Amino acid sequence: MHLVSLRPELEGLIMPSKFYGIAAAGRAVINIGRSDGEIARLIEQSGCGITVPPGDARRLGDVVGDLAANPSRCLEMGRLARHLHEKRFDRAQALERWARALPAGYHAESRVAASQIRNIGAE
């Protein structure tokens, strides 16, 4: 299991980048943050972890203890995290999103790069 935290006042302004690495590694996520935040919604929708309110040390201890006592549940959350990463956040998809955000002249080159990345390992 891995821990992600975000101060409540930063919710909606940033997304902790470590979340993507944790999901890519296929690990369960414990999120210390607002229950209505972006990470909390992703965790709830995918089932890849648990969100704990900021400052609730007792709940955090219970969650860590529960996951440590239930390794199969922790492994399943990790599997779901990896699935979320593959479905929404892999490198090719990230490049596609960047390509859409760039000015029109950059789109063709960005799409070529994204298609090349998609083909890595397929050979």
PDB file of N, CA and C in Angstrom:
ATOM      1  N   MET A   1       0.842  -1.175   0.000  1.00  0.00           N
ATOM      2  CA  MET A   1       0.000   0.000   0.000  1.00  0.00           C
ATOM      3  C   MET A   1       0.885   1.234   0.000  1.00  0.00           C
ATOM      4  N   HIS A   2       0.363   2.292  -0.574  1.00  0.00           N
ATOM      5  CA  HIS A   2       1.083   3.564  -0.631  1.00  0.00           C
ATOM      6  C   HIS A   2       0.178   4.683  -0.126  1.00  0.00           C
ATOM      7  N   LEU A   3       0.809   5.733   0.330  1.00  0.00           N
ATOM      8  CA  LEU A   3       0.094   6.857   0.906  1.00  0.00           C
ATOM      9  C   LEU A   3       0.194   8.085  -0.006  1.00  0.00           C
ATOM     10  N   VAL A   4      -0.947   8.735  -0.211  1.00  0.00           N
ATOM     11  CA  VAL A   4      -1.016  10.001  -0.933  1.00  0.00           C
ATOM     12  C   VAL A   4      -1.705  10.983  -0.002  1.00  0.00           C
ATOM     13  N   SER A   5      -1.187  12.193   0.070  1.00  0.00           N
ATOM     14  CA  SER A   5      -1.866  13.196   0.892  1.00  0.00           C
ATOM     15  C   SER A   5      -1.898  14.529   0.146  1.00  0.00           C
ATOM     16  N   LEU A   6      -2.931  15.278   0.435  1.00  0.00           N
ATOM     17  CA  LEU A   6      -3.087  16.597  -0.167  1.00  0.00           C
ATOM     18  C   LEU A   6      -3.812  17.490   0.834  1.00  0.00           C
ATOM     19  N   ARG A   7      -3.225  18.641   1.092  1.00  0.00           N
ATOM     20  CA  ARG A   7      -3.870  19.588   1.988  1.00  0.00           C
ATOM     21  C   ARG A   7      -5.209  20.002   1.388  1.00  0.00           C
ATOM     22  N   PRO A   8      -6.247  20.037   2.209  1.00  0.00           N
ATOM     23  CA  PRO A   8      -7.589  20.332   1.695  1.00  0.00           C
ATOM     24  C   PRO A   8      -7.680  21.619   0.883  1.00  0.00           C
ATOM     25  N   GLU A   9      -6.932  22.653   1.262  1.00  0.00           N
ATOM     26  CA  GLU A   9      -7.029  23.921   0.538  1.00  0.00           C
ATOM     27  C   GLU A   9      -6.408  23.858  -0.852  1.00  0.00           C
ATOM     28  N   LEU A  10      -5.647  22.804  -1.138  1.00  0.00           N
ATOM     29  CA  LEU A  10      -5.048  22.648  -2.470  1.00  0.00           C
ATOM     30  C   LEU A  10      -5.905  21.787  -3.407  1.00  0.00           C
ATOM     31  N   GLU A  11      -6.936  21.198  -2.862  1.00  0.00           N
ATOM     32  CA  GLU A  11      -7.818  20.350  -3.674  1.00  0.00           C
ATOM     33  C   GLU A  11      -8.409  21.176  -4.801  1.00  0.00           C
ATOM     34  N   GLY A  12      -8.373  20.644  -6.001  1.00  0.00           N
ATOM     35  CA  GLY A  12      -8.880  21.336  -7.175  1.00  0.00           C
ATOM     36  C   GLY A  12      -7.825  22.167  -7.883  1.00  0.00           C
ATOM     37  N   LEU A  13      -6.686  22.377  -7.225  1.00  0.00           N
ATOM     38  CA  LEU A  13      -5.601  23.157  -7.832  1.00  0.00           C
ATOM     39  C   LEU A  13      -4.496  22.259  -8.370  1.00  0.00           C
ATOM     40  N   ILE A  14      -4.224  21.173  -7.663  1.00  0.00           N
ATOM     41  CA  ILE A  14      -3.159  20.253  -8.078  1.00  0.00           C
ATOM     42  C   ILE A  14      -3.602  18.818  -7.864  1.00  0.00           C
ATOM     43  N   MET A  15      -2.894  17.926  -8.514  1.00  0.00           N
ATOM     44  CA  MET A  15      -3.099  16.483  -8.326  1.00  0.00           C
ATOM     45  C   MET A  15      -1.723  15.916  -7.987  1.00  0.00           C
ATOM     46  N   PRO A  16      -1.555  15.324  -6.811  1.00  0.00           N
ATOM     47  CA  PRO A  16      -0.242  14.778  -6.468  1.00  0.00           C
ATOM     48  C   PRO A  16       0.215  13.749  -7.510  1.00  0.00           C
ATOM     49  N   SER A  17       1.347  14.030  -8.145  1.00  0.00           N
ATOM     50  CA  SER A  17       1.812  13.166  -9.234  1.00  0.00           C
ATOM     51  C   SER A  17       2.160  11.770  -8.765  1.00  0.00           C
ATOM     52  N   LYS A  18       2.455  11.605  -7.475  1.00  0.00           N
ATOM     53  CA  LYS A  18       2.785  10.267  -6.987  1.00  0.00           C
ATOM     54  C   LYS A  18       1.622   9.289  -7.175  1.00  0.00           C
ATOM     55  N   PHE A  19       0.403   9.809  -7.265  1.00  0.00           N
ATOM     56  CA  PHE A  19      -0.755   8.929  -7.475  1.00  0.00           C
ATOM     57  C   PHE A  19      -0.596   8.111  -8.756  1.00  0.00           C
ATOM     58  N   TYR A  20      -0.099   8.740  -9.811  1.00  0.00           N
ATOM     59  CA  TYR A  20       0.059   8.045 -11.088  1.00  0.00           C
ATOM     60  C   TYR A  20       1.092   6.924 -10.985  1.00  0.00           C
ATOM     61  N   GLY A  21       2.197   7.180 -10.298  1.00  0.00           N
ATOM     62  CA  GLY A  21       3.220   6.161 -10.103  1.00  0.00           C
ATOM     63  C   GLY A  21       2.725   5.002  -9.263  1.00  0.00           C
ATOM     64  N   ILE A  22       1.951   5.310  -8.242  1.00  0.00           N
ATOM     65  CA  ILE A  22       1.380   4.265  -7.385  1.00  0.00           C
ATOM     66  C   ILE A  22       0.435   3.388  -8.192  1.00  0.00           C
ATOM     67  N   ALA A  23      -0.416   4.015  -8.979  1.00  0.00           N
ATOM     68  CA  ALA A  23      -1.349   3.253  -9.816  1.00  0.00           C
ATOM     69  C   ALA A  23      -0.593   2.415 -10.843  1.00  0.00           C
ATOM     70  N   ALA A  24       0.434   2.997 -11.453  1.00  0.00           N
ATOM     71  CA  ALA A  24       1.224   2.261 -12.445  1.00  0.00           C
ATOM     72  C   ALA A  24       1.908   1.053 -11.811  1.00  0.00           C
ATOM     73  N   ALA A  25       2.327   1.194 -10.552  1.00  0.00           N
ATOM     74  CA  ALA A  25       2.985   0.090  -9.849  1.00  0.00           C
ATOM     75  C   ALA A  25       1.986  -0.955  -9.367  1.00  0.00           C
ATOM     76  N   GLY A  26       0.711  -0.647  -9.450  1.00  0.00           N
ATOM     77  CA  GLY A  26      -0.304  -1.605  -9.038  1.00  0.00           C
ATOM     78  C   GLY A  26      -0.364  -1.794  -7.532  1.00  0.00           C
ATOM     79  N   ARG A  27      -0.387  -0.694  -6.808  1.00  0.00           N
ATOM     80  CA  ARG A  27      -0.434  -0.745  -5.348  1.00  0.00           C
ATOM     81  C   ARG A  27      -1.712  -0.100  -4.838  1.00  0.00           C
ATOM     82  N   ALA A  28      -2.189  -0.598  -3.710  1.00  0.00           N
ATOM     83  CA  ALA A  28      -3.349   0.007  -3.056  1.00  0.00           C
ATOM     84  C   ALA A  28      -2.990   1.418  -2.611  1.00  0.00           C
ATOM     85  N   VAL A  29      -3.981   2.301  -2.621  1.00  0.00           N
ATOM     86  CA  VAL A  29      -3.765   3.708  -2.293  1.00  0.00           C
ATOM     87  C   VAL A  29      -4.528   4.058  -1.020  1.00  0.00           C
ATOM     88  N   ILE A  30      -3.813   4.664  -0.083  1.00  0.00           N
ATOM     89  CA  ILE A  30      -4.468   5.304   1.051  1.00  0.00           C
ATOM     90  C   ILE A  30      -4.320   6.798   0.808  1.00  0.00           C
ATOM     91  N   ASN A  31      -5.451   7.452   0.651  1.00  0.00           N
ATOM     92  CA  ASN A  31      -5.480   8.887   0.366  1.00  0.00           C
ATOM     93  C   ASN A  31      -5.890   9.639   1.621  1.00  0.00           C
ATOM     94  N   ILE A  32      -5.029  10.541   2.076  1.00  0.00           N
ATOM     95  CA  ILE A  32      -5.409  11.443   3.154  1.00  0.00           C
ATOM     96  C   ILE A  32      -5.814  12.737   2.472  1.00  0.00           C
ATOM     97  N   GLY A  33      -7.108  12.972   2.450  1.00  0.00           N
ATOM     98  CA  GLY A  33      -7.612  14.142   1.744  1.00  0.00           C
ATOM     99  C   GLY A  33      -9.118  14.226   1.838  1.00  0.00           C
ATOM    100  N   ARG A  34      -9.639  15.239   1.209  1.00  0.00           N
ATOM    101  CA  ARG A  34     -11.085  15.439   1.219  1.00  0.00           C
ATOM    102  C   ARG A  34     -11.794  14.323   0.473  1.00  0.00           C
ATOM    103  N   SER A  35     -12.926  13.921   0.989  1.00  0.00           N
ATOM    104  CA  SER A  35     -13.690  12.841   0.362  1.00  0.00           C
ATOM    105  C   SER A  35     -14.331  13.265  -0.955  1.00  0.00           C
ATOM    106  N   ASP A  36     -14.431  14.565  -1.197  1.00  0.00           N
ATOM    107  CA  ASP A  36     -15.016  15.050  -2.450  1.00  0.00           C
ATOM    108  C   ASP A  36     -13.954  15.497  -3.447  1.00  0.00           C
ATOM    109  N   GLY A  37     -12.690  15.197  -3.178  1.00  0.00           N
ATOM    110  CA  GLY A  37     -11.607  15.591  -4.055  1.00  0.00           C
ATOM    111  C   GLY A  37     -11.432  14.650  -5.239  1.00  0.00           C
ATOM    112  N   GLU A  38     -10.600  15.062  -6.176  1.00  0.00           N
ATOM    113  CA  GLU A  38     -10.392  14.286  -7.400  1.00  0.00           C
ATOM    114  C   GLU A  38      -9.800  12.908  -7.123  1.00  0.00           C
ATOM    115  N   ILE A  39      -8.789  12.826  -6.267  1.00  0.00           N
ATOM    116  CA  ILE A  39      -8.191  11.529  -5.957  1.00  0.00           C
ATOM    117  C   ILE A  39      -9.213  10.634  -5.268  1.00  0.00           C
ATOM    118  N   ALA A  40      -9.948  11.189  -4.316  1.00  0.00           N
ATOM    119  CA  ALA A  40     -10.970  10.403  -3.618  1.00  0.00           C
ATOM    120  C   ALA A  40     -11.995   9.850  -4.600  1.00  0.00           C
ATOM    121  N   ARG A  41     -12.404  10.664  -5.568  1.00  0.00           N
ATOM    122  CA  ARG A  41     -13.384  10.186  -6.562  1.00  0.00           C
ATOM    123  C   ARG A  41     -12.791   9.057  -7.409  1.00  0.00           C
ATOM    124  N   LEU A  42     -11.538   9.210  -7.842  1.00  0.00           N
ATOM    125  CA  LEU A  42     -10.897   8.152  -8.627  1.00  0.00           C
ATOM    126  C   LEU A  42     -10.794   6.857  -7.828  1.00  0.00           C
ATOM    127  N   ILE A  43     -10.424   6.988  -6.563  1.00  0.00           N
ATOM    128  CA  ILE A  43     -10.295   5.811  -5.696  1.00  0.00           C
ATOM    129  C   ILE A  43     -11.648   5.140  -5.515  1.00  0.00           C
ATOM    130  N   GLU A  44     -12.664   5.932  -5.258  1.00  0.00           N
ATOM    131  CA  GLU A  44     -13.997   5.365  -5.049  1.00  0.00           C
ATOM    132  C   GLU A  44     -14.523   4.696  -6.319  1.00  0.00           C
ATOM    133  N   GLN A  45     -14.369   5.368  -7.468  1.00  0.00           N
ATOM    134  CA  GLN A  45     -14.869   4.817  -8.725  1.00  0.00           C
ATOM    135  C   GLN A  45     -14.149   3.530  -9.113  1.00  0.00           C
ATOM    136  N   SER A  46     -12.852   3.482  -8.867  1.00  0.00           N
ATOM    137  CA  SER A  46     -12.065   2.326  -9.304  1.00  0.00           C
ATOM    138  C   SER A  46     -11.955   1.237  -8.253  1.00  0.00           C
ATOM    139  N   GLY A  47     -12.139   1.594  -6.985  1.00  0.00           N
ATOM    140  CA  GLY A  47     -11.983   0.620  -5.907  1.00  0.00           C
ATOM    141  C   GLY A  47     -10.530   0.340  -5.555  1.00  0.00           C
ATOM    142  N   CYS A  48      -9.622   1.248  -5.917  1.00  0.00           N
ATOM    143  CA  CYS A  48      -8.184   0.984  -5.752  1.00  0.00           C
ATOM    144  C   CYS A  48      -7.621   1.416  -4.411  1.00  0.00           C
ATOM    145  N   GLY A  49      -8.460   1.869  -3.497  1.00  0.00           N
ATOM    146  CA  GLY A  49      -7.940   2.280  -2.207  1.00  0.00           C
ATOM    147  C   GLY A  49      -9.001   2.842  -1.297  1.00  0.00           C
ATOM    148  N   ILE A  50      -8.538   3.615  -0.323  1.00  0.00           N
ATOM    149  CA  ILE A  50      -9.411   4.165   0.709  1.00  0.00           C
ATOM    150  C   ILE A  50      -8.993   5.603   0.974  1.00  0.00           C
ATOM    151  N   THR A  51      -9.971   6.473   1.178  1.00  0.00           N
ATOM    152  CA  THR A  51      -9.700   7.855   1.544  1.00  0.00           C
ATOM    153  C   THR A  51      -9.980   8.050   3.029  1.00  0.00           C
ATOM    154  N   VAL A  52      -9.059   8.729   3.692  1.00  0.00           N
ATOM    155  CA  VAL A  52      -9.153   9.042   5.115  1.00  0.00           C
ATOM    156  C   VAL A  52      -9.163  10.562   5.253  1.00  0.00           C
ATOM    157  N   PRO A  53     -10.061  11.100   6.061  1.00  0.00           N
ATOM    158  CA  PRO A  53     -10.085  12.552   6.236  1.00  0.00           C
ATOM    159  C   PRO A  53      -8.793  13.067   6.874  1.00  0.00           C
ATOM    160  N   PRO A  54      -8.340  14.252   6.468  1.00  0.00           N
ATOM    161  CA  PRO A  54      -7.149  14.844   7.092  1.00  0.00           C
ATOM    162  C   PRO A  54      -7.339  14.974   8.611  1.00  0.00           C
ATOM    163  N   GLY A  55      -6.310  14.629   9.354  1.00  0.00           N
ATOM    164  CA  GLY A  55      -6.349  14.759  10.807  1.00  0.00           C
ATOM    165  C   GLY A  55      -6.968  13.597  11.553  1.00  0.00           C
ATOM    166  N   ASP A  56      -7.506  12.612  10.854  1.00  0.00           N
ATOM    167  CA  ASP A  56      -8.158  11.474  11.518  1.00  0.00           C
ATOM    168  C   ASP A  56      -7.155  10.323  11.674  1.00  0.00           C
ATOM    169  N   ALA A  57      -6.255  10.482  12.646  1.00  0.00           N
ATOM    170  CA  ALA A  57      -5.193   9.490  12.872  1.00  0.00           C
ATOM    171  C   ALA A  57      -5.757   8.121  13.255  1.00  0.00           C
ATOM    172  N   ARG A  58      -6.822   8.095  14.008  1.00  0.00           N
ATOM    173  CA  ARG A  58      -7.424   6.821  14.411  1.00  0.00           C
ATOM    174  C   ARG A  58      -7.919   6.049  13.185  1.00  0.00           C
ATOM    175  N   ARG A  59      -8.603   6.748  12.288  1.00  0.00           N
ATOM    176  CA  ARG A  59      -9.107   6.104  11.059  1.00  0.00           C
ATOM    177  C   ARG A  59      -7.942   5.627  10.195  1.00  0.00           C
ATOM    178  N   LEU A  60      -6.900   6.433  10.080  1.00  0.00           N
ATOM    179  CA  LEU A  60      -5.736   6.032   9.306  1.00  0.00           C
ATOM    180  C   LEU A  60      -5.116   4.764   9.881  1.00  0.00           C
ATOM    181  N   GLY A  61      -4.967   4.710  11.189  1.00  0.00           N
ATOM    182  CA  GLY A  61      -4.431   3.508  11.832  1.00  0.00           C
ATOM    183  C   GLY A  61      -5.304   2.291  11.578  1.00  0.00           C
ATOM    184  N   ASP A  62      -6.609   2.474  11.639  1.00  0.00           N
ATOM    185  CA  ASP A  62      -7.537   1.367  11.371  1.00  0.00           C
ATOM    186  C   ASP A  62      -7.401   0.868   9.937  1.00  0.00           C
ATOM    187  N   VAL A  63      -7.287   1.794   8.990  1.00  0.00           N
ATOM    188  CA  VAL A  63      -7.178   1.424   7.571  1.00  0.00           C
ATOM    189  C   VAL A  63      -5.882   0.664   7.318  1.00  0.00           C
ATOM    190  N   VAL A  64      -4.766   1.179   7.836  1.00  0.00           N
ATOM    191  CA  VAL A  64      -3.477   0.501   7.654  1.00  0.00           C
ATOM    192  C   VAL A  64      -3.530  -0.885   8.288  1.00  0.00           C
ATOM    193  N   GLY A  65      -4.060  -0.970   9.495  1.00  0.00           N
ATOM    194  CA  GLY A  65      -4.168  -2.266  10.171  1.00  0.00           C
ATOM    195  C   GLY A  65      -5.041  -3.246   9.417  1.00  0.00           C
ATOM    196  N   ASP A  66      -6.163  -2.761   8.899  1.00  0.00           N
ATOM    197  CA  ASP A  66      -7.079  -3.621   8.147  1.00  0.00           C
ATOM    198  C   ASP A  66      -6.415  -4.150   6.875  1.00  0.00           C
ATOM    199  N   LEU A  67      -5.742  -3.277   6.143  1.00  0.00           N
ATOM    200  CA  LEU A  67      -5.087  -3.726   4.908  1.00  0.00           C
ATOM    201  C   LEU A  67      -3.922  -4.657   5.197  1.00  0.00           C
ATOM    202  N   ALA A  68      -3.192  -4.403   6.279  1.00  0.00           N
ATOM    203  CA  ALA A  68      -2.087  -5.291   6.654  1.00  0.00           C
ATOM    204  C   ALA A  68      -2.611  -6.674   7.049  1.00  0.00           C
ATOM    205  N   ALA A  69      -3.780  -6.710   7.662  1.00  0.00           N
ATOM    206  CA  ALA A  69      -4.376  -7.982   8.080  1.00  0.00           C
ATOM    207  C   ALA A  69      -5.087  -8.707   6.941  1.00  0.00           C
ATOM    208  N   ASN A  70      -5.335  -8.003   5.849  1.00  0.00           N
ATOM    209  CA  ASN A  70      -6.060  -8.574   4.714  1.00  0.00           C
ATOM    210  C   ASN A  70      -5.263  -8.380   3.424  1.00  0.00           C
ATOM    211  N   PRO A  71      -4.163  -9.105   3.272  1.00  0.00           N
ATOM    212  CA  PRO A  71      -3.315  -8.893   2.090  1.00  0.00           C
ATOM    213  C   PRO A  71      -4.037  -9.143   0.772  1.00  0.00           C
ATOM    214  N   SER A  72      -5.001 -10.041   0.757  1.00  0.00           N
ATOM    215  CA  SER A  72      -5.712 -10.279  -0.507  1.00  0.00           C
ATOM    216  C   SER A  72      -6.530  -9.052  -0.909  1.00  0.00           C
ATOM    217  N   ARG A  73      -7.095  -8.354   0.066  1.00  0.00           N
ATOM    218  CA  ARG A  73      -7.840  -7.122  -0.234  1.00  0.00           C
ATOM    219  C   ARG A  73      -6.878  -6.051  -0.756  1.00  0.00           C
ATOM    220  N   CYS A  74      -5.718  -5.959  -0.133  1.00  0.00           N
ATOM    221  CA  CYS A  74      -4.709  -4.994  -0.554  1.00  0.00           C
ATOM    222  C   CYS A  74      -4.240  -5.304  -1.978  1.00  0.00           C
ATOM    223  N   LEU A  75      -4.011  -6.566  -2.279  1.00  0.00           N
ATOM    224  CA  LEU A  75      -3.591  -6.966  -3.626  1.00  0.00           C
ATOM    225  C   LEU A  75      -4.669  -6.661  -4.664  1.00  0.00           C
ATOM    226  N   GLU A  76      -5.923  -6.882  -4.298  1.00  0.00           N
ATOM    227  CA  GLU A  76      -7.021  -6.592  -5.232  1.00  0.00           C
ATOM    228  C   GLU A  76      -7.112  -5.087  -5.507  1.00  0.00           C
ATOM    229  N   MET A  77      -6.936  -4.279  -4.485  1.00  0.00           N
ATOM    230  CA  MET A  77      -6.932  -2.830  -4.697  1.00  0.00           C
ATOM    231  C   MET A  77      -5.778  -2.437  -5.624  1.00  0.00           C
ATOM    232  N   GLY A  78      -4.633  -3.089  -5.444  1.00  0.00           N
ATOM    233  CA  GLY A  78      -3.491  -2.823  -6.319  1.00  0.00           C
ATOM    234  C   GLY A  78      -3.782  -3.202  -7.756  1.00  0.00           C
ATOM    235  N   ARG A  79      -4.443  -4.331  -7.943  1.00  0.00           N
ATOM    236  CA  ARG A  79      -4.816  -4.759  -9.296  1.00  0.00           C
ATOM    237  C   ARG A  79      -5.754  -3.734  -9.925  1.00  0.00           C
ATOM    238  N   LEU A  80      -6.677  -3.230  -9.141  1.00  0.00           N
ATOM    239  CA  LEU A  80      -7.617  -2.227  -9.648  1.00  0.00           C
ATOM    240  C   LEU A  80      -6.911  -0.896  -9.935  1.00  0.00           C
ATOM    241  N   ALA A  81      -5.894  -0.567  -9.140  1.00  0.00           N
ATOM    242  CA  ALA A  81      -5.109   0.647  -9.399  1.00  0.00           C
ATOM    243  C   ALA A  81      -4.390   0.523 -10.735  1.00  0.00           C
ATOM    244  N   ARG A  82      -3.788  -0.633 -10.993  1.00  0.00           N
ATOM    245  CA  ARG A  82      -3.085  -0.841 -12.262  1.00  0.00           C
ATOM    246  C   ARG A  82      -4.068  -0.762 -13.434  1.00  0.00           C
ATOM    247  N   HIS A  83      -5.233  -1.348 -13.248  1.00  0.00           N
ATOM    248  CA  HIS A  83      -6.267  -1.295 -14.294  1.00  0.00           C
ATOM    249  C   HIS A  83      -6.661   0.166 -14.568  1.00  0.00           C
ATOM    250  N   LEU A  84      -6.831   0.957 -13.511  1.00  0.00           N
ATOM    251  CA  LEU A  84      -7.153   2.377 -13.676  1.00  0.00           C
ATOM    252  C   LEU A  84      -6.054   3.075 -14.466  1.00  0.00           C
ATOM    253  N   HIS A  85      -4.810   2.808 -14.121  1.00  0.00           N
ATOM    254  CA  HIS A  85      -3.691   3.435 -14.832  1.00  0.00           C
ATOM    255  C   HIS A  85      -3.727   3.082 -16.315  1.00  0.00           C
ATOM    256  N   GLU A  86      -3.905   1.811 -16.628  1.00  0.00           N
ATOM    257  CA  GLU A  86      -3.921   1.381 -18.029  1.00  0.00           C
ATOM    258  C   GLU A  86      -5.104   1.972 -18.781  1.00  0.00           C
ATOM    259  N   LYS A  87      -6.216   2.110 -18.101  1.00  0.00           N
ATOM    260  CA  LYS A  87      -7.443   2.602 -18.726  1.00  0.00           C
ATOM    261  C   LYS A  87      -7.427   4.124 -18.933  1.00  0.00           C
ATOM    262  N   ARG A  88      -6.795   4.876 -18.000  1.00  0.00           N
ATOM    263  CA  ARG A  88      -6.922   6.326 -18.042  1.00  0.00           C
ATOM    264  C   ARG A  88      -5.624   7.119 -18.087  1.00  0.00           C
ATOM    265  N   PHE A  89      -4.489   6.523 -17.668  1.00  0.00           N
ATOM    266  CA  PHE A  89      -3.317   7.349 -17.446  1.00  0.00           C
ATOM    267  C   PHE A  89      -2.026   6.838 -18.070  1.00  0.00           C
ATOM    268  N   ASP A  90      -2.082   5.930 -19.017  1.00  0.00           N
ATOM    269  CA  ASP A  90      -0.810   5.452 -19.583  1.00  0.00           C
ATOM    270  C   ASP A  90      -0.154   6.554 -20.415  1.00  0.00           C
ATOM    271  N   ARG A  91       1.082   6.336 -20.802  1.00  0.00           N
ATOM    272  CA  ARG A  91       1.888   7.358 -21.471  1.00  0.00           C
ATOM    273  C   ARG A  91       1.251   7.843 -22.783  1.00  0.00           C
ATOM    274  N   ALA A  92       0.771   6.926 -23.576  1.00  0.00           N
ATOM    275  CA  ALA A  92       0.178   7.319 -24.857  1.00  0.00           C
ATOM    276  C   ALA A  92      -1.052   8.210 -24.643  1.00  0.00           C
ATOM    277  N   GLN A  93      -1.869   7.872 -23.649  1.00  0.00           N
ATOM    278  CA  GLN A  93      -3.049   8.693 -23.375  1.00  0.00           C
ATOM    279  C   GLN A  93      -2.651  10.079 -22.875  1.00  0.00           C
ATOM    280  N   ALA A  94      -1.602  10.135 -22.053  1.00  0.00           N
ATOM    281  CA  ALA A  94      -1.131  11.434 -21.565  1.00  0.00           C
ATOM    282  C   ALA A  94      -0.655  12.298 -22.724  1.00  0.00           C
ATOM    283  N   LEU A  95       0.058  11.690 -23.663  1.00  0.00           N
ATOM    284  CA  LEU A  95       0.521  12.453 -24.828  1.00  0.00           C
ATOM    285  C   LEU A  95      -0.645  12.923 -25.690  1.00  0.00           C
ATOM    286  N   GLU A  96      -1.649  12.105 -25.831  1.00  0.00           N
ATOM    287  CA  GLU A  96      -2.839  12.511 -26.586  1.00  0.00           C
ATOM    288  C   GLU A  96      -3.496  13.725 -25.936  1.00  0.00           C
ATOM    289  N   ARG A  97      -3.596  13.723 -24.595  1.00  0.00           N
ATOM    290  CA  ARG A  97      -4.200  14.867 -23.900  1.00  0.00           C
ATOM    291  C   ARG A  97      -3.358  16.123 -24.089  1.00  0.00           C
ATOM    292  N   TRP A  98      -2.024  15.973 -24.020  1.00  0.00           N
ATOM    293  CA  TRP A  98      -1.150  17.120 -24.256  1.00  0.00           C
ATOM    294  C   TRP A  98      -1.320  17.616 -25.697  1.00  0.00           C
ATOM    295  N   ALA A  99      -1.418  16.706 -26.632  1.00  0.00           N
ATOM    296  CA  ALA A  99      -1.562  17.103 -28.038  1.00  0.00           C
ATOM    297  C   ALA A  99      -2.821  17.932 -28.241  1.00  0.00           C
ATOM    298  N   ARG A 100      -3.901  17.570 -27.571  1.00  0.00           N
ATOM    299  CA  ARG A 100      -5.143  18.333 -27.696  1.00  0.00           C
ATOM    300  C   ARG A 100      -5.018  19.717 -27.053  1.00  0.00           C
ATOM    301  N   ALA A 101      -4.152  19.839 -26.052  1.00  0.00           N
ATOM    302  CA  ALA A 101      -3.989  21.115 -25.355  1.00  0.00           C
ATOM    303  C   ALA A 101      -3.051  22.076 -26.080  1.00  0.00           C
ATOM    304  N   LEU A 102      -2.206  21.557 -26.963  1.00  0.00           N
ATOM    305  CA  LEU A 102      -1.228  22.386 -27.669  1.00  0.00           C
ATOM    306  C   LEU A 102      -1.864  23.094 -28.862  1.00  0.00           C
ATOM    307  N   PRO A 103      -1.224  24.171 -29.333  1.00  0.00           N
ATOM    308  CA  PRO A 103      -1.721  24.840 -30.544  1.00  0.00           C
ATOM    309  C   PRO A 103      -1.769  23.871 -31.729  1.00  0.00           C
ATOM    310  N   ALA A 104      -2.606  24.166 -32.691  1.00  0.00           N
ATOM    311  CA  ALA A 104      -2.872  23.271 -33.822  1.00  0.00           C
ATOM    312  C   ALA A 104      -1.620  22.792 -34.548  1.00  0.00           C
ATOM    313  N   GLY A 105      -0.603  23.607 -34.705  1.00  0.00           N
ATOM    314  CA  GLY A 105       0.600  23.226 -35.436  1.00  0.00           C
ATOM    315  C   GLY A 105       1.361  22.085 -34.807  1.00  0.00           C
ATOM    316  N   TYR A 106       1.167  21.855 -33.525  1.00  0.00           N
ATOM    317  CA  TYR A 106       1.893  20.803 -32.829  1.00  0.00           C
ATOM    318  C   TYR A 106       1.162  19.465 -32.839  1.00  0.00           C
ATOM    319  N   HIS A 107      -0.098  19.447 -33.202  1.00  0.00           N
ATOM    320  CA  HIS A 107      -0.906  18.245 -33.082  1.00  0.00           C
ATOM    321  C   HIS A 107      -0.366  17.060 -33.875  1.00  0.00           C
ATOM    322  N   ALA A 108      -0.012  17.264 -35.124  1.00  0.00           N
ATOM    323  CA  ALA A 108       0.429  16.142 -35.952  1.00  0.00           C
ATOM    324  C   ALA A 108       1.685  15.503 -35.372  1.00  0.00           C
ATOM    325  N   GLU A 109       2.661  16.307 -34.974  1.00  0.00           N
ATOM    326  CA  GLU A 109       3.893  15.765 -34.411  1.00  0.00           C
ATOM    327  C   GLU A 109       3.615  15.039 -33.104  1.00  0.00           C
ATOM    328  N   SER A 110       2.741  15.567 -32.271  1.00  0.00           N
ATOM    329  CA  SER A 110       2.425  14.938 -30.995  1.00  0.00           C
ATOM    330  C   SER A 110       1.716  13.608 -31.197  1.00  0.00           C
ATOM    331  N   ARG A 111       0.837  13.536 -32.180  1.00  0.00           N
ATOM    332  CA  ARG A 111       0.131  12.275 -32.442  1.00  0.00           C
ATOM    333  C   ARG A 111       1.094  11.203 -32.944  1.00  0.00           C
ATOM    334  N   VAL A 112       2.061  11.596 -33.756  1.00  0.00           N
ATOM    335  CA  VAL A 112       3.071  10.644 -34.215  1.00  0.00           C
ATOM    336  C   VAL A 112       3.842  10.111 -33.017  1.00  0.00           C
ATOM    337  N   ALA A 113       4.263  10.999 -32.103  1.00  0.00           N
ATOM    338  CA  ALA A 113       4.994  10.572 -30.912  1.00  0.00           C
ATOM    339  C   ALA A 113       4.140   9.636 -30.062  1.00  0.00           C
ATOM    340  N   ALA A 114       2.865   9.961 -29.886  1.00  0.00           N
ATOM    341  CA  ALA A 114       1.976   9.105 -29.092  1.00  0.00           C
ATOM    342  C   ALA A 114       1.825   7.732 -29.737  1.00  0.00           C
ATOM    343  N   SER A 115       1.706   7.681 -31.046  1.00  0.00           N
ATOM    344  CA  SER A 115       1.555   6.377 -31.713  1.00  0.00           C
ATOM    345  C   SER A 115       2.838   5.570 -31.621  1.00  0.00           C
ATOM    346  N   GLN A 116       3.994   6.235 -31.640  1.00  0.00           N
ATOM    347  CA  GLN A 116       5.255   5.526 -31.486  1.00  0.00           C
ATOM    348  C   GLN A 116       5.391   4.935 -30.097  1.00  0.00           C
ATOM    349  N   ILE A 117       4.977   5.682 -29.081  1.00  0.00           N
ATOM    350  CA  ILE A 117       5.034   5.184 -27.719  1.00  0.00           C
ATOM    351  C   ILE A 117       4.089   4.004 -27.550  1.00  0.00           C
ATOM    352  N   ARG A 118       2.918   4.084 -28.148  1.00  0.00           N
ATOM    353  CA  ARG A 118       1.952   3.000 -28.061  1.00  0.00           C
ATOM    354  C   ARG A 118       2.533   1.704 -28.636  1.00  0.00           C
ATOM    355  N   ASN A 119       3.392   1.842 -29.644  1.00  0.00           N
ATOM    356  CA  ASN A 119       3.947   0.662 -30.299  1.00  0.00           C
ATOM    357  C   ASN A 119       5.178   0.084 -29.591  1.00  0.00           C
ATOM    358  N   ILE A 120       5.725   0.784 -28.614  1.00  0.00           N
ATOM    359  CA  ILE A 120       6.866   0.252 -27.864  1.00  0.00           C
ATOM    360  C   ILE A 120       6.436  -1.004 -27.142  1.00  0.00           C
ATOM    361  N   GLY A 121       7.173  -2.030 -27.279  1.00  0.00           N
ATOM    362  CA  GLY A 121       6.860  -3.301 -26.646  1.00  0.00           C
ATOM    363  C   GLY A 121       5.942  -4.188 -27.457  1.00  0.00           C
ATOM    364  N   ALA A 122       5.323  -3.635 -28.478  1.00  0.00           N
ATOM    365  CA  ALA A 122       4.419  -4.431 -29.314  1.00  0.00           C
ATOM    366  C   ALA A 122       5.198  -5.213 -30.359  1.00  0.00           C
ATOM    367  N   GLU A 123       6.468  -4.867 -30.506  1.00  0.00           N
ATOM    368  CA  GLU A 123       7.277  -5.513 -31.539  1.00  0.00           C
ATOM    369  C   GLU A 123       7.799  -6.855 -31.080  1.00  0.00           C
TER     370      GLU A 123
END
